[in-house]
Amino acid sequence: MRKGYCPFSLSLILVAGLLYGCSFTSLILHPFGTSKSSLKKRVLVTAIVDQANFGKQTTKQLRDMLLTGLSATGKVVIFDYQEAISTANASAGLSYGVLTDKTLLEMARTQGINAVLSCILSPIEREQKIVGIWPLHKAIAYYQIALVSNLIDPQSGTVILSHLESDGIRIDLEEEEFTDRQWVRQQMKQRVLPKLTRQSIKPIKKALESEPWEGRILSVDHRIQINAGHDVGVRPDYRVDVYGGNEKVRAKDGLELLISWQKVGTIRVTEVGSNTSFAIPIDGKDFKAGQRIVSID
C-alpha cells in the first residue's frame, strides 16, 4: 500500500485522501512546546466497525491484536470500550470515513482521555484489472478490503490521525466463476485482515508519540489537583506547565473550544494518587479548574 503523511484542515481533503490510500496527521500547531514526555497516554479504544460482516469473533481477534501491539510499548493506558461508533455521521457520505460520537467524546473528556481510537473495516470490493506485460498480461478479479484507523483528541475534537491500510487477493478472471465466495472471505479472514491490523499499529504509535501529553486542573484549593496519577507514571516532584485560554469559538455541535492559550505558570507534584495528584505552584498565579496542563518532564 502507498502511504504518506499529509496535512489537512477540511474533511473533504481527508475523504479524498482515504479514497486514494493515504495516512493523514493533523497539522495543528501546539503552543505547548515539546511532545516528549515520560507520561503514558490514555487511549480509549472502541470496538471495530464491521461493514464487511465478518462477525464479532473475528473483529474481536483483530482488536485484541491491535491492543496487544499498542500496549507493548508501555507508553499507553488502554481504556476498553466495547461498543462501536455508529457510521451514521460518516464524512461526506463515505461509509468508512472519520466518525464522531459526541456522547463518547464528552465521556472521554471527563475521564481525561488523551485520544479515542476507532477502526472501521470496509466492505469487500471487487475490481477487474489487467496485470502483467503484453503479450503475457491477463485479466484478474481483485477483491480488496480496507482497515481505517482514526485517532481523535477528545479535548478539542481534533483528528490526530486517519490512516488507511488496504490489501486483497487476486483470482484469474477465467477461474472466478468456479471460485466459492466463501473461500474469498476465508482468505480475507486468515491472511489479509491480520496483515492490515499489524500494519496499522506503527502509524498509530507514531501519531500518539508525536502529541504532547495534556491533562487538566481538576480543582484549586490550598493545593492544585490534576487529572494524572500513578496510572500514567506521575511521581513526586513531577513538573507540568499550566495554560489558560482566553478566546473561544463555538463548534457546530455547541461545544466551546479555546483557540488561544497563554502560559499561566508551572506547578510541581507533591502527592500522587491512583489517577489524580496534588501539586503546588513553582511560578505563576491565577490557577483555575479546567486549565490545561502539559508535561515537561
C-alpha atoms as a PDB file:
ATOM      1  CA  MET A   1       0.000   0.000   0.000  1.00  0.00           C
ATOM      2  CA  ARG A   2       1.186   3.510  -0.784  1.00  0.00           C
ATOM      3  CA  LYS A   3       1.471   5.585   2.382  1.00  0.00           C
ATOM      4  CA  GLY A   4       2.223   9.199   3.166  1.00  0.00           C
ATOM      5  CA  TYR A   5       1.755  11.863   5.804  1.00  0.00           C
ATOM      6  CA  CYS A   6      -0.175  14.841   4.538  1.00  0.00           C
ATOM      7  CA  PRO A   7      -1.572  17.983   6.198  1.00  0.00           C
ATOM      8  CA  PHE A   8      -5.286  18.692   6.061  1.00  0.00           C
ATOM      9  CA  SER A   9      -7.855  21.021   7.530  1.00  0.00           C
ATOM     10  CA  LEU A  10     -11.037  20.133   5.724  1.00  0.00           C
ATOM     11  CA  SER A  11     -12.912  16.868   5.884  1.00  0.00           C
ATOM     12  CA  LEU A  12     -13.223  16.938   2.084  1.00  0.00           C
ATOM     13  CA  ILE A  13      -9.449  16.671   1.736  1.00  0.00           C
ATOM     14  CA  LEU A  14      -9.429  13.848   4.266  1.00  0.00           C
ATOM     15  CA  VAL A  15     -12.097  11.923   2.361  1.00  0.00           C
ATOM     16  CA  ALA A  16     -10.154  12.296  -0.867  1.00  0.00           C
ATOM     17  CA  GLY A  17      -7.050  11.010   0.866  1.00  0.00           C
ATOM     18  CA  LEU A  18      -8.824   7.988   2.220  1.00  0.00           C
ATOM     19  CA  LEU A  19     -10.135   7.141  -1.215  1.00  0.00           C
ATOM     20  CA  TYR A  20      -6.645   7.203  -2.718  1.00  0.00           C
ATOM     21  CA  GLY A  21      -4.928   5.405   0.129  1.00  0.00           C
ATOM     22  CA  CYS A  22      -3.005   7.691   2.402  1.00  0.00           C
ATOM     23  CA  SER A  23      -2.276   8.421   6.033  1.00  0.00           C
ATOM     24  CA  PHE A  24      -3.110  11.832   7.410  1.00  0.00           C
ATOM     25  CA  THR A  25      -1.965  13.513  10.579  1.00  0.00           C
ATOM     26  CA  SER A  26      -3.286  16.832  11.781  1.00  0.00           C
ATOM     27  CA  LEU A  27      -1.142  19.917  11.303  1.00  0.00           C
ATOM     28  CA  ILE A  28      -2.415  21.624  14.432  1.00  0.00           C
ATOM     29  CA  LEU A  29       0.416  23.706  15.872  1.00  0.00           C
ATOM     30  CA  HIS A  30       0.760  23.029  19.582  1.00  0.00           C
ATOM     31  CA  PRO A  31       1.633  26.126  21.618  1.00  0.00           C
ATOM     32  CA  PHE A  32       2.902  23.887  24.399  1.00  0.00           C
ATOM     33  CA  GLY A  33       6.388  23.090  23.118  1.00  0.00           C
ATOM     34  CA  THR A  34       7.903  19.615  23.110  1.00  0.00           C
ATOM     35  CA  SER A  35       5.902  16.427  22.625  1.00  0.00           C
ATOM     36  CA  LYS A  36       8.430  14.324  24.537  1.00  0.00           C
ATOM     37  CA  SER A  37       7.174  13.106  27.901  1.00  0.00           C
ATOM     38  CA  SER A  38       7.674  10.120  30.146  1.00  0.00           C
ATOM     39  CA  LEU A  39       3.944  10.027  30.897  1.00  0.00           C
ATOM     40  CA  LYS A  40       1.681   7.420  29.332  1.00  0.00           C
ATOM     41  CA  LYS A  41      -1.189   8.437  27.051  1.00  0.00           C
ATOM     42  CA  ARG A  42      -4.694   7.373  27.996  1.00  0.00           C
ATOM     43  CA  VAL A  43      -6.266   5.850  24.882  1.00  0.00           C
ATOM     44  CA  LEU A  44      -9.901   4.801  24.661  1.00  0.00           C
ATOM     45  CA  VAL A  45     -10.353   2.085  22.026  1.00  0.00           C
ATOM     46  CA  THR A  46     -13.798   1.363  20.611  1.00  0.00           C
ATOM     47  CA  ALA A  47     -14.972  -1.871  19.014  1.00  0.00           C
ATOM     48  CA  ILE A  48     -14.194  -2.236  15.301  1.00  0.00           C
ATOM     49  CA  VAL A  49     -16.993  -1.118  12.992  1.00  0.00           C
ATOM     50  CA  ASP A  50     -17.572  -4.225  10.862  1.00  0.00           C
ATOM     51  CA  GLN A  51     -19.008  -3.199   7.497  1.00  0.00           C
ATOM     52  CA  ALA A  52     -17.791  -6.418   5.881  1.00  0.00           C
ATOM     53  CA  ASN A  53     -19.940  -8.571   8.199  1.00  0.00           C
ATOM     54  CA  PHE A  54     -17.173 -10.861   9.423  1.00  0.00           C
ATOM     55  CA  GLY A  55     -18.790 -11.098  12.834  1.00  0.00           C
ATOM     56  CA  LYS A  56     -17.890 -10.194  16.399  1.00  0.00           C
ATOM     57  CA  GLN A  57     -15.469 -13.070  16.929  1.00  0.00           C
ATOM     58  CA  THR A  58     -13.272 -12.014  14.000  1.00  0.00           C
ATOM     59  CA  THR A  59     -13.305  -8.306  14.822  1.00  0.00           C
ATOM     60  CA  LYS A  60     -12.567  -9.076  18.476  1.00  0.00           C
ATOM     61  CA  GLN A  61      -9.488 -11.085  17.452  1.00  0.00           C
ATOM     62  CA  LEU A  62      -8.283  -8.198  15.280  1.00  0.00           C
ATOM     63  CA  ARG A  63      -8.934  -5.689  18.047  1.00  0.00           C
ATOM     64  CA  ASP A  64      -7.078  -7.838  20.592  1.00  0.00           C
ATOM     65  CA  MET A  65      -4.117  -7.938  18.201  1.00  0.00           C
ATOM     66  CA  LEU A  66      -4.256  -4.160  17.904  1.00  0.00           C
ATOM     67  CA  LEU A  67      -4.433  -3.651  21.681  1.00  0.00           C
ATOM     68  CA  THR A  68      -1.531  -6.031  22.274  1.00  0.00           C
ATOM     69  CA  GLY A  69       0.618  -4.151  19.771  1.00  0.00           C
ATOM     70  CA  LEU A  70      -0.199  -0.742  21.247  1.00  0.00           C
ATOM     71  CA  SER A  71       0.323  -1.922  24.829  1.00  0.00           C
ATOM     72  CA  ALA A  72       3.705  -3.489  24.044  1.00  0.00           C
ATOM     73  CA  THR A  73       5.445  -0.105  24.166  1.00  0.00           C
ATOM     74  CA  GLY A  74       4.335   0.531  27.744  1.00  0.00           C
ATOM     75  CA  LYS A  75       3.545   4.111  26.721  1.00  0.00           C
ATOM     76  CA  VAL A  76      -0.245   3.884  26.709  1.00  0.00           C
ATOM     77  CA  VAL A  77      -3.016   3.115  29.169  1.00  0.00           C
ATOM     78  CA  ILE A  78      -5.832   1.353  27.324  1.00  0.00           C
ATOM     79  CA  PHE A  79      -9.462   2.101  28.157  1.00  0.00           C
ATOM     80  CA  ASP A  80     -11.502  -0.758  26.724  1.00  0.00           C
ATOM     81  CA  TYR A  81     -14.778   0.489  25.196  1.00  0.00           C
ATOM     82  CA  GLN A  82     -16.753  -2.471  23.869  1.00  0.00           C
ATOM     83  CA  GLU A  83     -19.203  -0.566  21.670  1.00  0.00           C
ATOM     84  CA  ALA A  84     -18.583   0.540  18.100  1.00  0.00           C
ATOM     85  CA  ILE A  85     -19.147   4.076  16.861  1.00  0.00           C
ATOM     86  CA  SER A  86     -22.135   4.414  14.549  1.00  0.00           C
ATOM     87  CA  THR A  87     -21.335   5.182  10.904  1.00  0.00           C
ATOM     88  CA  ALA A  88     -24.407   7.390  10.563  1.00  0.00           C
ATOM     89  CA  ASN A  89     -22.322  10.587  10.616  1.00  0.00           C
ATOM     90  CA  ALA A  90     -19.536   9.498   8.256  1.00  0.00           C
ATOM     91  CA  SER A  91     -17.934  12.424   6.448  1.00  0.00           C
ATOM     92  CA  ALA A  92     -19.353  13.356   3.037  1.00  0.00           C
ATOM     93  CA  GLY A  93     -21.224  10.081   2.748  1.00  0.00           C
ATOM     94  CA  LEU A  94     -18.075   7.969   2.901  1.00  0.00           C
ATOM     95  CA  SER A  95     -19.083   4.783   4.688  1.00  0.00           C
ATOM     96  CA  TYR A  96     -15.746   4.403   6.442  1.00  0.00           C
ATOM     97  CA  GLY A  97     -14.565   7.990   6.928  1.00  0.00           C
ATOM     98  CA  VAL A  98     -13.782   9.851  10.147  1.00  0.00           C
ATOM     99  CA  LEU A  99     -16.606   9.313  12.612  1.00  0.00           C
ATOM    100  CA  THR A 100     -17.576  11.432  15.572  1.00  0.00           C
ATOM    101  CA  ASP A 101     -19.721  10.484  18.532  1.00  0.00           C
ATOM    102  CA  LYS A 102     -20.474  13.499  20.719  1.00  0.00           C
ATOM    103  CA  THR A 103     -21.566  11.413  23.702  1.00  0.00           C
ATOM    104  CA  LEU A 104     -18.428   9.276  23.566  1.00  0.00           C
ATOM    105  CA  LEU A 105     -16.128  12.284  23.194  1.00  0.00           C
ATOM    106  CA  GLU A 106     -17.781  14.013  26.141  1.00  0.00           C
ATOM    107  CA  MET A 107     -17.306  10.890  28.275  1.00  0.00           C
ATOM    108  CA  ALA A 108     -13.663  10.723  27.163  1.00  0.00           C
ATOM    109  CA  ARG A 109     -13.136  14.372  28.087  1.00  0.00           C
ATOM    110  CA  THR A 110     -14.429  13.852  31.618  1.00  0.00           C
ATOM    111  CA  GLN A 111     -12.173  10.794  32.076  1.00  0.00           C
ATOM    112  CA  GLY A 112      -9.008  12.599  30.983  1.00  0.00           C
ATOM    113  CA  ILE A 113      -8.588  10.509  27.833  1.00  0.00           C
ATOM    114  CA  ASN A 114      -5.791  11.721  25.542  1.00  0.00           C
ATOM    115  CA  ALA A 115      -7.026  10.003  22.379  1.00  0.00           C
ATOM    116  CA  VAL A 116     -10.007   7.997  21.118  1.00  0.00           C
ATOM    117  CA  LEU A 117      -9.157   5.243  18.625  1.00  0.00           C
ATOM    118  CA  SER A 118     -11.847   3.881  16.333  1.00  0.00           C
ATOM    119  CA  CYS A 119     -11.313   1.440  13.456  1.00  0.00           C
ATOM    120  CA  ILE A 120     -13.598   0.718  10.532  1.00  0.00           C
ATOM    121  CA  LEU A 121     -13.442  -2.414   8.391  1.00  0.00           C
ATOM    122  CA  SER A 122     -14.764  -1.552   4.932  1.00  0.00           C
ATOM    123  CA  PRO A 123     -16.965  -3.793   2.779  1.00  0.00           C
ATOM    124  CA  ILE A 124     -15.126  -6.133   0.409  1.00  0.00           C
ATOM    125  CA  GLU A 125     -14.878  -4.539  -3.035  1.00  0.00           C
ATOM    126  CA  ARG A 126     -14.254  -6.216  -6.383  1.00  0.00           C
ATOM    127  CA  GLU A 127     -12.239  -4.652  -9.185  1.00  0.00           C
ATOM    128  CA  GLN A 128     -11.348  -6.088 -12.585  1.00  0.00           C
ATOM    129  CA  LYS A 129      -7.734  -5.472 -13.663  1.00  0.00           C
ATOM    130  CA  ILE A 130      -5.250  -6.295 -16.383  1.00  0.00           C
ATOM    131  CA  VAL A 131      -1.900  -7.344 -14.914  1.00  0.00           C
ATOM    132  CA  GLY A 132       1.424  -8.316 -16.449  1.00  0.00           C
ATOM    133  CA  ILE A 133       3.238  -7.142 -19.577  1.00  0.00           C
ATOM    134  CA  TRP A 134       1.942  -7.754 -23.097  1.00  0.00           C
ATOM    135  CA  PRO A 135       1.774 -10.346 -24.523  1.00  0.00           C
ATOM    136  CA  LEU A 136       1.749 -12.168 -21.179  1.00  0.00           C
ATOM    137  CA  HIS A 137      -0.811  -9.946 -19.475  1.00  0.00           C
ATOM    138  CA  LYS A 138      -4.050 -11.398 -18.151  1.00  0.00           C
ATOM    139  CA  ALA A 139      -7.336 -10.291 -16.650  1.00  0.00           C
ATOM    140  CA  ILE A 140      -7.915 -10.795 -12.935  1.00  0.00           C
ATOM    141  CA  ALA A 141     -10.581 -10.080 -10.365  1.00  0.00           C
ATOM    142  CA  TYR A 142      -9.120  -8.233  -7.392  1.00  0.00           C
ATOM    143  CA  TYR A 143     -11.031  -8.487  -4.113  1.00  0.00           C
ATOM    144  CA  GLN A 144      -9.957  -5.740  -1.734  1.00  0.00           C
ATOM    145  CA  ILE A 145     -10.727  -4.676   1.833  1.00  0.00           C
ATOM    146  CA  ALA A 146      -9.562  -1.696   3.898  1.00  0.00           C
ATOM    147  CA  LEU A 147      -8.996  -1.025   7.584  1.00  0.00           C
ATOM    148  CA  VAL A 148      -9.275   2.645   8.551  1.00  0.00           C
ATOM    149  CA  SER A 149      -7.879   3.812  11.906  1.00  0.00           C
ATOM    150  CA  ASN A 150      -8.935   7.182  13.316  1.00  0.00           C
ATOM    151  CA  LEU A 151      -7.368   8.893  16.338  1.00  0.00           C
ATOM    152  CA  ILE A 152      -9.281  11.844  17.769  1.00  0.00           C
ATOM    153  CA  ASP A 153      -8.308  14.224  20.562  1.00  0.00           C
ATOM    154  CA  PRO A 154     -11.486  14.329  22.682  1.00  0.00           C
ATOM    155  CA  GLN A 155     -10.459  17.572  24.398  1.00  0.00           C
ATOM    156  CA  SER A 156     -10.559  19.579  21.167  1.00  0.00           C
ATOM    157  CA  GLY A 157     -12.249  17.234  18.690  1.00  0.00           C
ATOM    158  CA  THR A 158      -9.130  17.403  16.502  1.00  0.00           C
ATOM    159  CA  VAL A 159      -8.343  14.472  14.212  1.00  0.00           C
ATOM    160  CA  ILE A 160      -4.831  13.387  15.209  1.00  0.00           C
ATOM    161  CA  LEU A 161      -4.567  10.657  12.577  1.00  0.00           C
ATOM    162  CA  SER A 162      -6.651   8.991   9.905  1.00  0.00           C
ATOM    163  CA  HIS A 163      -4.819   6.051   8.383  1.00  0.00           C
ATOM    164  CA  LEU A 164      -5.924   3.539   5.749  1.00  0.00           C
ATOM    165  CA  GLU A 165      -4.413   0.124   5.083  1.00  0.00           C
ATOM    166  CA  SER A 166      -5.760  -1.911   2.180  1.00  0.00           C
ATOM    167  CA  ASP A 167      -4.939  -5.253   0.604  1.00  0.00           C
ATOM    168  CA  GLY A 168      -6.682  -8.129  -1.110  1.00  0.00           C
ATOM    169  CA  ILE A 169      -6.469 -11.298  -3.165  1.00  0.00           C
ATOM    170  CA  ARG A 170      -6.273 -11.939  -6.912  1.00  0.00           C
ATOM    171  CA  ILE A 171      -8.226 -14.507  -8.893  1.00  0.00           C
ATOM    172  CA  ASP A 172      -7.772 -15.195 -12.607  1.00  0.00           C
ATOM    173  CA  LEU A 173     -10.886 -13.926 -14.336  1.00  0.00           C
ATOM    174  CA  GLU A 174     -11.411 -17.193 -16.182  1.00  0.00           C
ATOM    175  CA  GLU A 175     -11.328 -19.052 -12.855  1.00  0.00           C
ATOM    176  CA  GLU A 176     -13.549 -16.648 -10.929  1.00  0.00           C
ATOM    177  CA  GLU A 177     -16.844 -18.291 -11.841  1.00  0.00           C
ATOM    178  CA  PHE A 178     -15.582 -21.534 -10.303  1.00  0.00           C
ATOM    179  CA  THR A 179     -14.399 -19.848  -7.095  1.00  0.00           C
ATOM    180  CA  ASP A 180     -16.536 -20.153  -3.992  1.00  0.00           C
ATOM    181  CA  ARG A 181     -17.264 -16.718  -2.480  1.00  0.00           C
ATOM    182  CA  GLN A 182     -16.846 -18.207   0.980  1.00  0.00           C
ATOM    183  CA  TRP A 183     -13.307 -19.164   0.024  1.00  0.00           C
ATOM    184  CA  VAL A 184     -12.642 -15.498  -0.780  1.00  0.00           C
ATOM    185  CA  ARG A 185     -13.939 -14.418   2.616  1.00  0.00           C
ATOM    186  CA  GLN A 186     -11.925 -17.127   4.357  1.00  0.00           C
ATOM    187  CA  GLN A 187      -8.732 -15.943   2.653  1.00  0.00           C
ATOM    188  CA  MET A 188      -9.525 -12.396   3.707  1.00  0.00           C
ATOM    189  CA  LYS A 189     -10.103 -13.519   7.280  1.00  0.00           C
ATOM    190  CA  GLN A 190      -6.997 -15.693   7.597  1.00  0.00           C
ATOM    191  CA  ARG A 191      -4.423 -13.748   5.562  1.00  0.00           C
ATOM    192  CA  VAL A 192      -5.468 -10.197   4.766  1.00  0.00           C
ATOM    193  CA  LEU A 193      -7.158  -8.915   7.928  1.00  0.00           C
ATOM    194  CA  PRO A 194      -4.327  -9.842  10.345  1.00  0.00           C
ATOM    195  CA  LYS A 195      -1.833  -8.212   7.954  1.00  0.00           C
ATOM    196  CA  LEU A 196      -3.830  -4.965   7.808  1.00  0.00           C
ATOM    197  CA  THR A 197      -4.085  -4.890  11.590  1.00  0.00           C
ATOM    198  CA  ARG A 198      -0.343  -5.417  12.108  1.00  0.00           C
ATOM    199  CA  GLN A 199       0.488  -2.708   9.577  1.00  0.00           C
ATOM    200  CA  SER A 200      -1.851  -0.237  11.310  1.00  0.00           C
ATOM    201  CA  ILE A 201      -0.082  -0.410  14.679  1.00  0.00           C
ATOM    202  CA  LYS A 202       3.103   1.504  13.772  1.00  0.00           C
ATOM    203  CA  PRO A 203       1.423   4.673  12.392  1.00  0.00           C
ATOM    204  CA  ILE A 204      -0.936   4.771  15.383  1.00  0.00           C
ATOM    205  CA  LYS A 205       2.023   4.550  17.783  1.00  0.00           C
ATOM    206  CA  LYS A 206       3.881   7.253  15.862  1.00  0.00           C
ATOM    207  CA  ALA A 207       0.880   9.594  15.946  1.00  0.00           C
ATOM    208  CA  LEU A 208       0.396   9.095  19.687  1.00  0.00           C
ATOM    209  CA  GLU A 209       4.067   9.740  20.399  1.00  0.00           C
ATOM    210  CA  SER A 210       4.018  12.931  18.316  1.00  0.00           C
ATOM    211  CA  GLU A 211       1.355  14.509  20.528  1.00  0.00           C
ATOM    212  CA  PRO A 212       2.263  16.311  23.777  1.00  0.00           C
ATOM    213  CA  TRP A 213       0.855  14.804  26.970  1.00  0.00           C
ATOM    214  CA  GLU A 214      -2.004  17.041  28.104  1.00  0.00           C
ATOM    215  CA  GLY A 215      -4.290  16.998  31.109  1.00  0.00           C
ATOM    216  CA  ARG A 216      -6.424  19.322  33.207  1.00  0.00           C
ATOM    217  CA  ILE A 217      -6.543  21.015  36.571  1.00  0.00           C
ATOM    218  CA  LEU A 218      -9.478  19.475  38.438  1.00  0.00           C
ATOM    219  CA  SER A 219      -9.668  21.825  41.408  1.00  0.00           C
ATOM    220  CA  VAL A 220      -7.781  24.601  43.148  1.00  0.00           C
ATOM    221  CA  ASP A 221      -7.938  24.976  46.920  1.00  0.00           C
ATOM    222  CA  HIS A 222      -4.913  25.119  49.190  1.00  0.00           C
ATOM    223  CA  ARG A 223      -3.444  22.616  46.716  1.00  0.00           C
ATOM    224  CA  ILE A 224      -3.915  22.093  42.999  1.00  0.00           C
ATOM    225  CA  GLN A 225      -5.445  18.774  41.933  1.00  0.00           C
ATOM    226  CA  ILE A 226      -4.643  17.449  38.454  1.00  0.00           C
ATOM    227  CA  ASN A 227      -6.053  14.509  36.486  1.00  0.00           C
ATOM    228  CA  ALA A 228      -2.827  12.481  36.327  1.00  0.00           C
ATOM    229  CA  GLY A 229      -1.549   9.907  38.798  1.00  0.00           C
ATOM    230  CA  HIS A 230       0.247   6.597  39.158  1.00  0.00           C
ATOM    231  CA  ASP A 231      -1.734   5.238  36.189  1.00  0.00           C
ATOM    232  CA  VAL A 232       0.173   7.439  33.728  1.00  0.00           C
ATOM    233  CA  GLY A 233       3.507   7.450  35.553  1.00  0.00           C
ATOM    234  CA  VAL A 234       3.405  10.642  37.627  1.00  0.00           C
ATOM    235  CA  ARG A 235       5.842  10.730  40.532  1.00  0.00           C
ATOM    236  CA  PRO A 236       6.625  13.260  43.295  1.00  0.00           C
ATOM    237  CA  ASP A 237       8.378  16.436  42.067  1.00  0.00           C
ATOM    238  CA  TYR A 238       6.998  15.923  38.557  1.00  0.00           C
ATOM    239  CA  ARG A 239       6.507  19.280  36.824  1.00  0.00           C
ATOM    240  CA  VAL A 240       3.824  20.456  34.423  1.00  0.00           C
ATOM    241  CA  ASP A 241       3.229  23.771  32.713  1.00  0.00           C
ATOM    242  CA  VAL A 242      -0.235  25.284  33.040  1.00  0.00           C
ATOM    243  CA  TYR A 243      -2.018  27.099  30.209  1.00  0.00           C
ATOM    244  CA  GLY A 244      -5.168  29.187  30.288  1.00  0.00           C
ATOM    245  CA  GLY A 245      -7.226  30.145  27.257  1.00  0.00           C
ATOM    246  CA  ASN A 246      -8.967  33.439  26.702  1.00  0.00           C
ATOM    247  CA  GLU A 247     -10.510  33.210  23.230  1.00  0.00           C
ATOM    248  CA  LYS A 248     -13.301  30.786  22.364  1.00  0.00           C
ATOM    249  CA  VAL A 249     -15.180  29.638  19.286  1.00  0.00           C
ATOM    250  CA  ARG A 250     -18.403  27.662  19.289  1.00  0.00           C
ATOM    251  CA  ALA A 251     -18.425  24.494  17.195  1.00  0.00           C
ATOM    252  CA  LYS A 252     -21.434  23.305  15.212  1.00  0.00           C
ATOM    253  CA  ASP A 253     -22.391  20.846  17.954  1.00  0.00           C
ATOM    254  CA  GLY A 254     -22.362  23.626  20.558  1.00  0.00           C
ATOM    255  CA  LEU A 255     -19.001  22.717  22.087  1.00  0.00           C
ATOM    256  CA  GLU A 256     -16.923  25.755  23.037  1.00  0.00           C
ATOM    257  CA  LEU A 257     -13.266  25.429  22.055  1.00  0.00           C
ATOM    258  CA  LEU A 258     -10.388  27.562  23.268  1.00  0.00           C
ATOM    259  CA  ILE A 259      -8.310  28.696  20.307  1.00  0.00           C
ATOM    260  CA  SER A 260      -5.682  30.772  22.105  1.00  0.00           C
ATOM    261  CA  TRP A 261      -3.582  29.718  25.066  1.00  0.00           C
ATOM    262  CA  GLN A 262      -1.316  31.639  27.388  1.00  0.00           C
ATOM    263  CA  LYS A 263       1.070  30.127  29.893  1.00  0.00           C
ATOM    264  CA  VAL A 264      -0.143  30.707  33.443  1.00  0.00           C
ATOM    265  CA  GLY A 265       2.772  29.111  35.269  1.00  0.00           C
ATOM    266  CA  THR A 266       4.410  25.859  36.345  1.00  0.00           C
ATOM    267  CA  ILE A 267       3.404  23.505  39.157  1.00  0.00           C
ATOM    268  CA  ARG A 268       5.179  20.637  40.926  1.00  0.00           C
ATOM    269  CA  VAL A 269       3.567  17.399  42.127  1.00  0.00           C
ATOM    270  CA  THR A 270       3.751  16.785  45.880  1.00  0.00           C
ATOM    271  CA  GLU A 271       1.368  13.855  46.354  1.00  0.00           C
ATOM    272  CA  VAL A 272       0.491  11.145  43.828  1.00  0.00           C
ATOM    273  CA  GLY A 273      -2.768   9.170  43.795  1.00  0.00           C
ATOM    274  CA  SER A 274      -4.038   6.383  41.555  1.00  0.00           C
ATOM    275  CA  ASN A 275      -5.298   8.651  38.775  1.00  0.00           C
ATOM    276  CA  THR A 276      -5.045  12.156  40.247  1.00  0.00           C
ATOM    277  CA  SER A 277      -2.295  14.093  42.016  1.00  0.00           C
ATOM    278  CA  PHE A 278      -1.824  17.216  44.106  1.00  0.00           C
ATOM    279  CA  ALA A 279       0.645  19.939  43.193  1.00  0.00           C
ATOM    280  CA  ILE A 280       1.888  23.329  44.339  1.00  0.00           C
ATOM    281  CA  PRO A 281       2.950  26.347  42.251  1.00  0.00           C
ATOM    282  CA  ILE A 282       6.593  26.844  41.290  1.00  0.00           C
ATOM    283  CA  ASP A 283       5.867  30.064  39.450  1.00  0.00           C
ATOM    284  CA  GLY A 284       2.818  31.908  38.176  1.00  0.00           C
ATOM    285  CA  LYS A 285      -0.599  32.574  39.681  1.00  0.00           C
ATOM    286  CA  ASP A 286      -4.335  32.596  38.892  1.00  0.00           C
ATOM    287  CA  PHE A 287      -4.531  28.815  38.595  1.00  0.00           C
ATOM    288  CA  LYS A 288      -8.097  27.649  37.935  1.00  0.00           C
ATOM    289  CA  ALA A 289     -10.017  24.411  37.438  1.00  0.00           C
ATOM    290  CA  GLY A 290     -10.226  23.458  33.772  1.00  0.00           C
ATOM    291  CA  GLN A 291      -6.888  24.931  32.760  1.00  0.00           C
ATOM    292  CA  ARG A 292      -4.731  22.718  30.569  1.00  0.00           C
ATOM    293  CA  ILE A 293      -1.573  21.090  31.896  1.00  0.00           C
ATOM    294  CA  VAL A 294       1.308  19.899  29.731  1.00  0.00           C
ATOM    295  CA  SER A 295       4.069  17.568  30.899  1.00  0.00           C
ATOM    296  CA  ILE A 296       7.601  18.989  30.774  1.00  0.00           C
ATOM    297  CA  ASP A 297       9.407  16.072  32.489  1.00  0.00           C
END
